[in-house]
Amino acid sequence: MKTFRNPILPGFYPDPSICRDGEDYYMVTSSFEYYPGVPIFHSKDLIHWRQLGHVLDRPSQLNLDDTPSSRGIYAATIRYSNGMFYVVSTFVVSATGERRNFYVTAEDPAGSWSDPVWLPGAVGIDPSLFFDDDGKVYYTGNRKPPEGQQYEKHVEIWLQELDLEEKQLTGPTYSLWDGALKQIHATEGPHLYKINGYYYLVVAEGGTGHTHSTTIARSKTLTGPYEVAKTNPILTHRHLGRSYPIVNVGHSDFIETQNGEWYLVCLASRPYGGNYRNLGRETFLVPFVWEDGWPVVNPGKGIVEFELPSPNLPLRRWPSLAACDHFDAEILEDRWNFIRTPRGDFWSLSERPGYLRLRLKPETITQVANPSFIGRRQQHMNFAARTALEFTPLNEGDVAGLVLLQNEDYQYRMESALIDGEGVLRLIKREAGKDETLALRPYQATGRLYLMVEAIEQAYSFYFATNTEQWELLYDCADGRILSSDVAGGFTGAYLGMYASSNGQLSTNQADFDYFEYIEIFPNN
C-alpha cells in the first residue's frame, strides 16, 4: 500500500481550504498580517503541492497598515464553479474592531485575482461559498445568535444568498446551526456541500487550541433543520492529551477525487520541546469514508496520523525549491513575505544584481508597522539558516542582520550596529516587549559578515564569521520557546529573515544580502 507523510504543508499554513477542477486541486490558507496574502497551491495528487503565488498580491487588494499581529486575513475558502475560481475571506481590521468580509475571483488560479468585492452586512468570520444545483450561490459565516448568546462565545452558522451579478448579499438570512458541542464554544469555519441529496454542514468547534475539533450536521433542505451526527466530533485530538505529537486538530474542508475517494484537509500542530508550537498551525491530509450517510475519518483510527494511505491518483512531484536563494531572479520567490503591506521603495533585486538590497527604514520590527524585513516561515523543528551581509552602520541606530520572529514583542535579532562609534555584532532577545542583550562582540563593521542560526528543537544557537565557513559561536542554546504562540500568544508560526532599520531616524544607508539558505538538519541523538 502506498502511503504519504503529513503534514502536506509544513509550517505556518493554517485554515486550509481546497477545491478541484477536473484533475487539478487548489488550496489556500490564512496569512494574517503577512503580505502578500492568502498563499495558493496546486496539486495533482493531493500530496505534493507547489505554490502558484498569492491571491492578494497587490496593495489595492490588501491594505494591512496598522493591522495588529495575528489580525488581518483570516480563514479563506476557495471554490470553483463554471470556469471561475472564488476565494472568500475575512479581513480582521483590529483586535476588537470591524470584521470585513469579501470575495475575489479569477479565471486562472495563478492570477491575477480581482480586487475585493466587499460584502456589507456580512458579519462574523470564516466565510464560505456554496453553489447549489439550481445555480444559486450562498454565503455562510458565523455570528452571535439573533435571540442572544446562551453561554460564553455562543455563536451560530448563518446563511444568505449571494447575487454574483449585483455583487451583494440579497434576501433573508437564515440561522442554520449553533454546533454539536454546546458550551464548548466558537462554532466557525463553516463549509456546505450537497452529497447524495443531503446538504452537509461541516464546522470547526472548540476554538483553535487544544479543544479544536470538526463536527457535522445534515439536512434535506438548505435552510434546515439540520440533523446532528451522533458521532460528533468526527475529528479531534483533544482526548489524546497535550503531549500527543499532533494537537489542536480541526477546521476541515472536504474533497472528492475524480476516482470517487474522499479526503479532508485540516489544520493541526506538532508541539515539541515541552508542548510548544513554534511551527504554528500546519496543513494535514486525512482520508475518510461514508457510512450510513455520515463520514468516518481515517477508519479504524479516527485520528490524524503522520503516515496514511495515499490517494488513488497518479503521483505528480514538482521540482524541489533550492535551499539557497541567491537573489538572482527579477522578482522575489513566493516563499518570501513582508510584515504588512510594503510601503516605500525599501527593497530591490536589481540595484545590485545577485543581492537583496534592504534600505534602512525608521520603522522597527518591534513596532506594529511595515519594517524593512523580508522573511519566510520556519518549517522544521531542527533547521539551519544562514546569510551573507554587506553593511556598514553609519550612525548610532543603524542596524541590519538576521531576525527570528514570532511578533513585535517576541523575537531574536542578530544585528550589526554601532555603539559609541565602534562596530559590534549583538544578539538581542525580545520577550514580552522588553529587549535583553544576550551577546555583544566588537568587530570591524565593514565588508562581509556571515550570520547563521541553528535550531535543535527549542535550542537556538547563533554563529557568525568574517571569512567563509569559519564560524564562531556568538550565543549557544537560546530559548526558542518565546517563538511559539504558546508564549507569545496569537495565531501565527515563527518566521525568520533579513532586517534593516535606522531606529526612528531618516537614513540613506542600505544593507545588501548575498544569499539566504534554509535547510532542515538531522542532529544525532
Protein backbone atom coordinates (compact mmCIF):
# COMPACT_ATOMS: atom_id res chain seq x y z
CA MET A 1 0.00 0.00 0.00
CA LYS A 2 1.35 3.40 -0.96
CA THR A 3 1.47 5.95 1.81
CA PHE A 4 2.25 9.64 2.25
CA ARG A 5 3.64 11.75 5.10
CA ASN A 6 1.88 14.54 6.98
CA PRO A 7 1.88 17.48 7.17
CA ILE A 8 1.43 18.16 3.48
CA LEU A 9 2.21 21.86 4.08
CA PRO A 10 4.69 22.13 6.98
CA GLY A 11 4.99 25.35 8.92
CA PHE A 12 2.54 28.20 9.39
CA TYR A 13 -0.18 27.31 6.85
CA PRO A 14 -3.43 27.25 8.87
CA ASP A 15 -7.12 27.04 7.98
CA PRO A 16 -6.75 25.13 4.69
CA SER A 17 -9.49 25.16 2.08
CA ILE A 18 -9.48 23.05 -1.06
CA CYS A 19 -11.30 22.71 -4.38
CA ARG A 20 -10.96 20.63 -7.55
CA ASP A 21 -11.16 21.49 -11.25
CA GLY A 22 -11.06 18.18 -13.12
CA GLU A 23 -7.75 16.55 -12.20
CA ASP A 24 -6.29 19.68 -10.62
CA TYR A 25 -6.52 20.56 -6.94
CA TYR A 26 -6.09 24.02 -5.45
CA MET A 27 -5.67 25.02 -1.83
CA VAL A 28 -5.43 28.28 0.14
CA THR A 29 -4.51 29.07 3.75
CA SER A 30 -4.66 32.02 6.14
CA SER A 31 -1.96 34.70 6.14
CA PHE A 32 -2.92 37.19 8.91
CA GLU A 33 -0.64 40.29 8.92
CA TYR A 34 1.80 38.97 6.33
CA TYR A 35 1.92 40.22 2.75
CA PRO A 36 1.23 39.06 0.06
CA GLY A 37 -1.93 37.49 1.48
CA VAL A 38 -3.52 34.05 1.06
CA PRO A 39 -0.91 31.70 -0.41
CA ILE A 40 -2.39 29.45 -3.09
CA PHE A 41 -1.13 25.97 -4.01
CA HIS A 42 -1.66 23.47 -6.83
CA SER A 43 -1.52 19.66 -6.75
CA LYS A 44 -2.31 16.71 -8.99
CA ASP A 45 -2.19 14.02 -6.29
CA LEU A 46 -3.20 15.79 -3.03
CA ILE A 47 0.25 15.00 -1.60
CA HIS A 48 2.73 17.14 -3.49
CA TRP A 49 1.94 20.85 -3.64
CA ARG A 50 3.59 23.75 -5.43
CA GLN A 51 2.85 27.35 -4.64
CA LEU A 52 1.34 29.29 -7.53
CA GLY A 53 1.62 32.63 -5.77
CA HIS A 54 -0.75 34.61 -3.56
CA VAL A 55 -4.37 35.57 -4.05
CA LEU A 56 -3.88 39.06 -2.57
CA ASP A 57 -0.64 40.31 -4.09
CA ARG A 58 -1.42 43.98 -4.83
CA PRO A 59 -1.74 46.84 -2.33
CA SER A 60 -5.10 47.69 -3.93
CA GLN A 61 -6.34 44.29 -2.73
CA LEU A 62 -4.83 44.31 0.73
CA ASN A 63 -4.11 47.31 2.96
CA LEU A 64 -2.61 45.97 6.18
CA ASP A 65 -1.44 49.33 7.52
CA ASP A 66 -1.63 49.36 11.35
CA THR A 67 -3.08 45.84 11.43
CA PRO A 68 -2.11 44.20 14.74
CA SER A 69 -0.24 40.92 14.80
CA SER A 70 -2.48 37.86 14.37
CA ARG A 71 -5.19 40.01 12.80
CA GLY A 72 -5.57 40.72 9.08
CA ILE A 73 -6.61 37.93 6.72
CA TYR A 74 -8.38 35.06 8.48
CA ALA A 75 -9.56 31.73 7.11
CA ALA A 76 -10.22 31.83 3.37
CA THR A 77 -12.37 29.41 1.36
CA ILE A 78 -11.64 28.56 -2.27
CA ARG A 79 -14.34 27.27 -4.62
CA TYR A 80 -14.62 26.61 -8.37
CA SER A 81 -17.78 26.94 -10.48
CA ASN A 82 -18.43 27.32 -14.20
CA GLY A 83 -14.91 28.28 -15.17
CA MET A 84 -14.39 30.76 -12.34
CA PHE A 85 -12.45 30.48 -9.08
CA TYR A 86 -13.67 32.26 -5.97
CA VAL A 87 -11.86 32.99 -2.71
CA VAL A 88 -13.89 34.44 0.15
CA SER A 89 -12.29 35.58 3.39
CA THR A 90 -12.38 37.89 6.41
CA PHE A 91 -10.21 40.94 6.97
CA VAL A 92 -9.97 41.45 10.73
CA VAL A 93 -9.16 45.13 11.00
CA SER A 94 -8.14 45.20 14.67
CA ALA A 95 -8.25 43.20 17.89
CA THR A 96 -11.76 44.37 18.78
CA GLY A 97 -12.85 46.27 15.69
CA GLU A 98 -14.61 45.56 12.46
CA ARG A 99 -14.57 42.23 10.62
CA ARG A 100 -14.94 42.91 6.89
CA ASN A 101 -15.84 40.01 4.62
CA PHE A 102 -15.10 39.96 0.90
CA TYR A 103 -14.53 37.74 -2.10
CA VAL A 104 -12.23 37.85 -5.13
CA THR A 105 -12.37 35.97 -8.43
CA ALA A 106 -10.02 34.67 -11.11
CA GLU A 107 -10.30 32.53 -14.23
CA ASP A 108 -6.76 31.29 -13.62
CA PRO A 109 -5.91 30.39 -10.01
CA ALA A 110 -2.33 31.52 -10.64
CA GLY A 111 -3.78 35.02 -11.00
CA SER A 112 -4.30 37.75 -11.32
CA TRP A 113 -7.22 37.88 -8.90
CA SER A 114 -9.77 40.68 -8.85
CA ASP A 115 -9.87 43.48 -6.33
CA PRO A 116 -12.05 42.59 -3.32
CA VAL A 117 -15.82 42.72 -3.51
CA TRP A 118 -16.77 43.84 0.00
CA LEU A 119 -20.00 42.47 1.43
CA PRO A 120 -21.75 44.94 3.74
CA GLY A 121 -23.88 43.15 6.29
CA ALA A 122 -21.75 40.01 6.26
CA VAL A 123 -20.94 39.74 9.96
CA GLY A 124 -18.63 37.26 11.65
CA ILE A 125 -15.55 35.43 10.39
CA ASP A 126 -14.50 32.43 8.30
CA PRO A 127 -16.95 32.76 5.39
CA SER A 128 -17.59 30.14 2.75
CA LEU A 129 -19.47 29.98 -0.54
CA PHE A 130 -21.85 27.24 -1.66
CA PHE A 131 -23.00 26.77 -5.26
CA ASP A 132 -26.32 24.91 -5.34
CA ASP A 133 -27.65 22.73 -8.16
CA ASP A 134 -30.17 25.39 -9.24
CA GLY A 135 -27.41 27.91 -9.97
CA LYS A 136 -27.93 29.97 -6.82
CA VAL A 137 -24.95 30.90 -4.66
CA TYR A 138 -24.99 31.18 -0.89
CA TYR A 139 -22.75 32.80 1.68
CA THR A 140 -22.20 31.21 5.09
CA GLY A 141 -20.41 32.62 8.11
CA ASN A 142 -20.75 32.76 11.86
CA ARG A 143 -22.49 35.29 14.11
CA LYS A 144 -23.99 35.74 17.54
CA PRO A 145 -27.49 34.17 17.57
CA PRO A 146 -30.17 36.83 16.94
CA GLU A 147 -32.01 35.70 20.09
CA GLY A 148 -28.88 36.23 22.19
CA GLN A 149 -25.98 34.16 23.49
CA GLN A 150 -26.77 31.40 25.96
CA TYR A 151 -23.17 30.91 27.07
CA GLU A 152 -19.75 32.47 26.51
CA LYS A 153 -18.66 32.51 22.86
CA HIS A 154 -22.01 31.05 21.79
CA VAL A 155 -22.19 31.62 18.03
CA GLU A 156 -24.13 30.10 15.16
CA ILE A 157 -23.70 29.49 11.45
CA TRP A 158 -25.88 31.66 9.23
CA LEU A 159 -26.67 31.73 5.51
CA GLN A 160 -27.75 34.28 2.90
CA GLU A 161 -27.98 34.26 -0.88
CA LEU A 162 -25.19 35.99 -2.81
CA ASP A 163 -26.09 37.70 -6.08
CA LEU A 164 -22.94 37.42 -8.19
CA GLU A 165 -24.32 39.76 -10.86
CA GLU A 166 -25.04 42.54 -8.39
CA LYS A 167 -22.09 41.53 -6.18
CA GLN A 168 -24.08 41.74 -2.98
CA LEU A 169 -25.94 39.64 -0.44
CA THR A 170 -29.68 39.51 -1.01
CA GLY A 171 -32.82 38.17 0.61
CA PRO A 172 -33.38 36.90 4.14
CA THR A 173 -30.73 35.48 6.44
CA TYR A 174 -31.15 32.03 7.95
CA SER A 175 -29.84 30.56 11.18
CA LEU A 176 -28.54 27.08 10.30
CA TRP A 177 -26.82 25.56 13.34
CA ASP A 178 -25.05 26.57 16.54
CA GLY A 179 -22.90 23.47 16.75
CA ALA A 180 -22.92 19.99 18.23
CA LEU A 181 -20.81 20.66 21.31
CA LYS A 182 -22.88 23.02 23.42
CA GLN A 183 -20.80 25.33 25.64
CA ILE A 184 -17.54 24.12 24.04
CA HIS A 185 -17.73 27.50 22.18
CA ALA A 186 -16.63 29.09 18.92
CA THR A 187 -18.61 27.48 16.11
CA GLU A 188 -16.81 28.72 12.99
CA GLY A 189 -15.21 27.73 9.68
CA PRO A 190 -18.44 26.53 8.01
CA HIS A 191 -18.44 24.62 4.72
CA LEU A 192 -21.58 23.45 2.91
CA TYR A 193 -21.70 20.50 0.49
CA LYS A 194 -24.54 18.73 -1.31
CA ILE A 195 -23.94 14.98 -1.43
CA ASN A 196 -26.48 12.28 -2.36
CA GLY A 197 -29.45 14.53 -1.75
CA TYR A 198 -28.29 15.90 1.61
CA TYR A 199 -26.87 19.28 2.49
CA TYR A 200 -23.92 18.71 4.81
CA LEU A 201 -22.67 21.49 7.06
CA VAL A 202 -19.14 20.96 8.40
CA VAL A 203 -17.84 23.36 11.04
CA ALA A 204 -14.96 23.88 13.43
CA GLU A 205 -15.74 23.97 17.15
CA GLY A 206 -13.88 24.40 20.39
CA GLY A 207 -11.54 27.25 19.44
CA THR A 208 -8.29 26.79 17.59
CA GLY A 209 -6.36 25.48 20.61
CA HIS A 210 -6.29 22.12 22.39
CA THR A 211 -10.09 21.59 22.25
CA HIS A 212 -10.31 22.22 18.49
CA SER A 213 -12.50 19.81 16.51
CA THR A 214 -14.58 19.19 13.39
CA THR A 215 -18.31 18.49 13.64
CA ILE A 216 -21.04 17.87 11.07
CA ALA A 217 -24.82 18.09 10.54
CA ARG A 218 -27.07 17.44 7.55
CA SER A 219 -30.45 18.39 6.14
CA LYS A 220 -32.66 17.54 3.18
CA THR A 221 -33.29 21.26 2.71
CA LEU A 222 -30.72 24.03 2.51
CA THR A 223 -32.11 26.14 5.34
CA GLY A 224 -32.67 23.22 7.70
CA PRO A 225 -33.47 22.00 10.23
CA TYR A 226 -30.10 20.24 10.44
CA GLU A 227 -29.73 16.78 11.92
CA VAL A 228 -26.63 16.46 14.10
CA ALA A 229 -24.37 13.43 13.64
CA LYS A 230 -24.38 11.18 16.70
CA THR A 231 -20.68 10.52 16.04
CA ASN A 232 -19.63 14.13 16.62
CA PRO A 233 -16.98 15.32 16.78
CA ILE A 234 -15.94 13.44 13.66
CA LEU A 235 -12.35 14.59 14.17
CA THR A 236 -10.47 15.87 17.22
CA HIS A 237 -7.32 15.10 19.21
CA ARG A 238 -8.27 16.74 22.50
CA HIS A 239 -8.83 13.36 24.11
CA LEU A 240 -5.24 12.34 23.31
CA GLY A 241 -3.63 14.89 25.63
CA ARG A 242 -1.43 17.92 25.08
CA SER A 243 1.73 15.82 24.72
CA TYR A 244 0.46 13.88 21.72
CA PRO A 245 2.68 14.63 18.67
CA ILE A 246 -0.25 16.09 16.68
CA VAL A 247 -2.55 18.51 18.53
CA ASN A 248 -5.34 21.10 18.07
CA VAL A 249 -6.82 19.29 15.07
CA GLY A 250 -9.79 20.87 13.29
CA HIS A 251 -11.05 23.33 10.68
CA SER A 252 -11.65 20.78 7.90
CA ASP A 253 -12.63 21.05 4.25
CA PHE A 254 -13.81 18.01 2.22
CA ILE A 255 -12.74 17.00 -1.27
CA GLU A 256 -13.79 14.11 -3.54
CA THR A 257 -11.21 12.90 -6.04
CA GLN A 258 -12.06 12.18 -9.67
CA ASN A 259 -11.86 8.48 -8.67
CA GLY A 260 -14.53 8.79 -6.00
CA GLU A 261 -12.31 8.80 -2.91
CA TRP A 262 -12.89 11.28 -0.11
CA TYR A 263 -10.26 13.22 1.79
CA LEU A 264 -10.24 16.21 4.05
CA VAL A 265 -7.64 18.86 4.71
CA CYS A 266 -7.41 20.23 8.23
CA LEU A 267 -5.14 22.24 10.46
CA ALA A 268 -3.08 20.79 13.30
CA SER A 269 0.18 21.50 15.12
CA ARG A 270 3.27 19.50 16.04
CA PRO A 271 4.35 20.50 19.57
CA TYR A 272 7.93 19.92 20.62
CA GLY A 273 10.40 20.76 23.36
CA GLY A 274 7.73 20.72 26.06
CA ASN A 275 4.48 21.20 24.12
CA TYR A 276 5.45 24.40 22.31
CA ARG A 277 4.26 25.08 18.77
CA ASN A 278 6.88 27.22 17.03
CA LEU A 279 5.79 25.90 13.63
CA GLY A 280 2.29 27.24 14.12
CA ARG A 281 -0.77 25.51 12.71
CA GLU A 282 0.03 23.37 9.67
CA THR A 283 -1.97 21.63 6.93
CA PHE A 284 -2.67 17.89 7.13
CA LEU A 285 -4.49 15.45 4.80
CA VAL A 286 -6.74 12.62 6.06
CA PRO A 287 -8.90 10.04 4.23
CA PHE A 288 -12.49 9.29 5.17
CA VAL A 289 -15.34 7.06 4.02
CA TRP A 290 -19.13 7.34 4.17
CA GLU A 291 -21.14 5.01 6.41
CA ASP A 292 -24.92 5.38 6.70
CA GLY A 293 -24.68 8.84 5.23
CA TRP A 294 -22.03 10.13 7.64
CA PRO A 295 -18.25 10.50 7.30
CA VAL A 296 -15.91 8.17 9.19
CA VAL A 297 -12.47 9.79 9.32
CA ASN A 298 -9.43 7.50 8.99
CA PRO A 299 -11.48 4.33 9.60
CA GLY A 300 -10.29 2.18 12.48
CA LYS A 301 -8.23 5.01 13.91
CA GLY A 302 -10.32 8.18 13.86
CA ILE A 303 -7.30 10.44 14.20
CA VAL A 304 -4.72 12.26 12.07
CA GLU A 305 -1.52 10.28 11.57
CA PHE A 306 1.90 11.13 10.19
CA GLU A 307 1.67 8.27 7.68
CA LEU A 308 -1.57 7.49 5.86
CA PRO A 309 -2.72 5.70 2.68
CA SER A 310 -2.11 7.70 -0.46
CA PRO A 311 -4.98 8.73 -2.73
CA ASN A 312 -5.55 6.56 -5.79
CA LEU A 313 -4.11 9.25 -8.03
CA PRO A 314 -1.03 9.30 -10.27
CA LEU A 315 1.87 10.75 -8.34
CA ARG A 316 2.98 14.17 -9.53
CA ARG A 317 6.06 15.55 -7.85
CA TRP A 318 7.11 19.13 -8.54
CA PRO A 319 10.73 20.28 -8.81
CA SER A 320 12.04 21.00 -5.32
CA LEU A 321 12.84 24.55 -4.32
CA ALA A 322 16.51 25.40 -3.90
CA ALA A 323 17.63 25.50 -0.29
CA CYS A 324 19.55 28.67 -1.02
CA ASP A 325 18.08 31.78 -2.63
CA HIS A 326 20.90 33.68 -4.33
CA PHE A 327 18.58 36.55 -5.25
CA ASP A 328 19.40 36.17 -8.94
CA ALA A 329 15.78 36.38 -10.11
CA GLU A 330 13.94 39.52 -11.13
CA ILE A 331 11.19 39.00 -8.54
CA LEU A 332 11.09 37.57 -5.04
CA GLU A 333 10.24 33.90 -4.73
CA ASP A 334 6.79 33.09 -3.38
CA ARG A 335 8.22 31.79 -0.09
CA TRP A 336 9.13 35.35 0.99
CA ASN A 337 6.79 37.70 2.85
CA PHE A 338 6.70 41.22 4.22
CA ILE A 339 5.15 42.25 7.52
CA ARG A 340 2.06 44.18 6.45
CA THR A 341 1.66 45.87 3.08
CA PRO A 342 5.08 47.13 1.92
CA ARG A 343 5.23 50.92 1.91
CA GLY A 344 8.07 52.83 0.30
CA ASP A 345 10.79 51.78 -2.10
CA PHE A 346 12.84 49.94 0.52
CA TRP A 347 13.96 46.77 -1.24
CA SER A 348 15.49 45.85 -4.60
CA LEU A 349 16.80 42.85 -6.50
CA SER A 350 18.07 44.94 -9.40
CA GLU A 351 20.16 47.75 -7.93
CA ARG A 352 22.92 45.29 -7.15
CA PRO A 353 22.31 42.16 -9.22
CA GLY A 354 22.66 38.96 -7.23
CA TYR A 355 21.86 40.69 -3.94
CA LEU A 356 18.76 41.59 -1.99
CA ARG A 357 19.14 45.22 -1.00
CA LEU A 358 17.23 46.50 2.01
CA ARG A 359 17.19 50.21 2.68
CA LEU A 360 17.09 51.25 6.31
CA LYS A 361 13.65 52.48 7.31
CA PRO A 362 12.83 54.41 10.50
CA GLU A 363 10.27 51.73 11.33
CA THR A 364 11.47 48.87 13.52
CA ILE A 365 10.49 45.25 13.82
CA THR A 366 9.39 45.96 17.41
CA GLN A 367 6.52 48.14 16.19
CA VAL A 368 3.13 47.49 14.61
CA ALA A 369 4.46 48.83 11.32
CA ASN A 370 5.93 47.82 7.99
CA PRO A 371 9.64 47.43 8.77
CA SER A 372 12.38 46.75 6.26
CA PHE A 373 12.05 42.99 6.68
CA ILE A 374 11.72 40.09 4.26
CA GLY A 375 11.20 36.66 5.80
CA ARG A 376 9.99 33.11 5.41
CA ARG A 377 8.32 30.52 7.61
CA GLN A 378 10.16 28.19 9.97
CA GLN A 379 9.07 24.76 8.71
CA HIS A 380 11.15 22.28 10.72
CA MET A 381 11.93 21.59 14.37
CA ASN A 382 15.63 21.26 13.52
CA PHE A 383 16.99 23.68 10.94
CA ALA A 384 19.90 25.88 9.95
CA ALA A 385 19.62 29.27 8.25
CA ARG A 386 22.48 31.43 7.07
CA THR A 387 23.04 34.60 5.13
CA ALA A 388 25.89 36.84 3.98
CA LEU A 389 25.52 40.51 4.85
CA GLU A 390 27.40 43.52 3.49
CA PHE A 391 26.60 46.52 5.66
CA THR A 392 28.37 49.45 7.28
CA PRO A 393 26.43 51.22 10.03
CA LEU A 394 26.95 54.95 9.61
CA ASN A 395 25.08 56.23 12.64
CA GLU A 396 24.06 55.09 16.09
CA GLY A 397 20.79 53.29 15.47
CA ASP A 398 21.71 51.84 12.07
CA VAL A 399 21.23 48.06 12.29
CA ALA A 400 20.94 45.13 9.90
CA GLY A 401 21.01 41.38 10.30
CA LEU A 402 19.09 38.18 10.87
CA VAL A 403 15.80 38.02 12.77
CA LEU A 404 13.76 35.14 14.21
CA LEU A 405 10.27 36.41 14.78
CA GLN A 406 7.01 35.49 16.46
CA ASN A 407 5.69 39.06 16.64
CA GLU A 408 6.84 42.57 17.54
CA ASP A 409 7.19 41.63 21.22
CA TYR A 410 8.80 38.18 20.92
CA GLN A 411 11.89 37.74 18.74
CA TYR A 412 15.65 37.29 18.40
CA ARG A 413 17.73 39.82 16.47
CA MET A 414 21.34 39.13 15.48
CA GLU A 415 22.38 42.50 14.14
CA SER A 416 25.34 44.61 13.14
CA ALA A 417 25.32 48.01 14.86
CA LEU A 418 27.36 50.96 16.15
CA ILE A 419 27.86 51.58 19.86
CA ASP A 420 29.92 54.64 20.86
CA GLY A 421 31.26 54.76 17.33
CA GLU A 422 32.52 51.17 17.39
CA GLY A 423 31.16 48.33 15.31
CA VAL A 424 29.52 45.47 17.19
CA LEU A 425 27.59 42.32 16.50
CA ARG A 426 24.94 41.67 19.10
CA LEU A 427 22.20 39.20 19.85
CA ILE A 428 19.06 40.67 21.36
CA LYS A 429 16.31 38.61 22.91
CA ARG A 430 12.98 40.41 22.99
CA GLU A 431 10.42 38.88 25.34
CA ALA A 432 7.14 40.47 26.42
CA GLY A 433 8.18 43.71 24.72
CA LYS A 434 11.50 44.07 26.57
CA ASP A 435 14.94 43.79 24.95
CA GLU A 436 17.81 41.92 26.57
CA THR A 437 21.29 41.81 25.03
CA LEU A 438 22.49 38.21 25.28
CA ALA A 439 25.80 38.67 23.45
CA LEU A 440 27.94 41.57 22.27
CA ARG A 441 31.03 41.11 20.11
CA PRO A 442 33.15 44.02 18.79
CA TYR A 443 34.14 43.66 15.16
CA GLN A 444 35.20 45.81 12.22
CA ALA A 445 31.76 46.67 10.85
CA THR A 446 32.74 46.84 7.19
CA GLY A 447 32.96 44.25 4.46
CA ARG A 448 31.15 40.94 4.57
CA LEU A 449 29.63 39.32 7.63
CA TYR A 450 28.22 35.80 7.68
CA LEU A 451 25.35 35.05 10.06
CA MET A 452 23.86 31.68 10.97
CA VAL A 453 21.33 30.20 13.37
CA GLU A 454 20.96 26.51 14.08
CA ALA A 455 17.95 25.20 15.96
CA ILE A 456 17.80 21.80 17.63
CA GLU A 457 14.22 21.79 18.80
CA GLN A 458 13.96 24.65 21.31
CA ALA A 459 17.71 25.36 21.49
CA TYR A 460 18.62 28.12 19.01
CA SER A 461 22.37 28.74 18.62
CA PHE A 462 23.80 31.77 16.83
CA TYR A 463 27.08 31.93 14.89
CA PHE A 464 28.99 34.48 12.85
CA ALA A 465 32.03 34.58 10.58
CA THR A 466 34.08 37.19 8.75
CA ASN A 467 35.57 34.53 6.46
CA THR A 468 33.58 31.87 4.66
CA GLU A 469 32.67 28.90 6.88
CA GLN A 470 34.99 29.98 9.71
CA TRP A 471 32.17 30.09 12.22
CA GLU A 472 32.44 31.48 15.73
CA LEU A 473 29.80 30.93 18.37
CA LEU A 474 28.01 34.10 19.39
CA TYR A 475 25.46 32.50 21.73
CA ASP A 476 24.64 28.88 22.49
CA CYS A 477 21.21 27.40 23.13
CA ALA A 478 18.95 30.43 23.33
CA ASP A 479 15.44 29.57 24.48
CA GLY A 480 13.30 29.06 21.38
CA ARG A 481 10.05 28.77 23.29
CA ILE A 482 9.48 32.53 23.07
CA LEU A 483 8.94 31.99 19.33
CA SER A 484 5.82 29.89 19.96
CA SER A 485 2.28 31.18 20.19
CA ASP A 486 2.04 29.30 23.50
CA VAL A 487 4.28 32.01 24.99
CA ALA A 488 3.73 34.96 22.65
CA GLY A 489 0.00 34.47 22.05
CA GLY A 490 -1.70 34.92 18.71
CA PHE A 491 -2.27 32.55 15.80
CA THR A 492 0.89 32.62 13.69
CA GLY A 493 4.01 30.49 13.45
CA ALA A 494 7.63 31.59 13.65
CA TYR A 495 9.31 33.48 10.80
CA LEU A 496 12.98 34.14 10.07
CA GLY A 497 14.54 36.58 7.67
CA MET A 498 16.57 39.67 6.88
CA TYR A 499 16.09 43.03 8.52
CA ALA A 500 17.41 46.60 8.46
CA SER A 501 16.40 49.71 10.39
CA SER A 502 17.57 53.21 11.29
CA ASN A 503 15.52 53.08 14.52
CA GLY A 504 13.39 56.16 14.08
CA GLN A 505 15.84 58.26 12.08
CA LEU A 506 15.83 59.07 8.40
CA SER A 507 18.68 57.32 6.62
CA THR A 508 20.14 56.81 3.17
CA ASN A 509 22.01 53.70 4.32
CA GLN A 510 21.39 50.23 2.96
CA ALA A 511 22.19 46.58 3.63
CA ASP A 512 22.97 44.02 0.94
CA PHE A 513 22.27 40.30 1.45
CA ASP A 514 24.09 37.99 -0.97
CA TYR A 515 22.01 34.89 -0.27
CA PHE A 516 19.73 33.24 2.26
CA GLU A 517 19.89 29.49 2.86
CA TYR A 518 17.44 27.45 4.91
CA ILE A 519 17.79 23.68 5.40
CA GLU A 520 16.39 21.01 7.66
CA ILE A 521 19.13 19.35 9.74
CA PHE A 522 19.24 15.92 11.29
CA PRO A 523 21.12 16.04 14.60
CA ASN A 524 22.46 12.95 16.31
CA ASN A 525 20.69 11.97 19.49
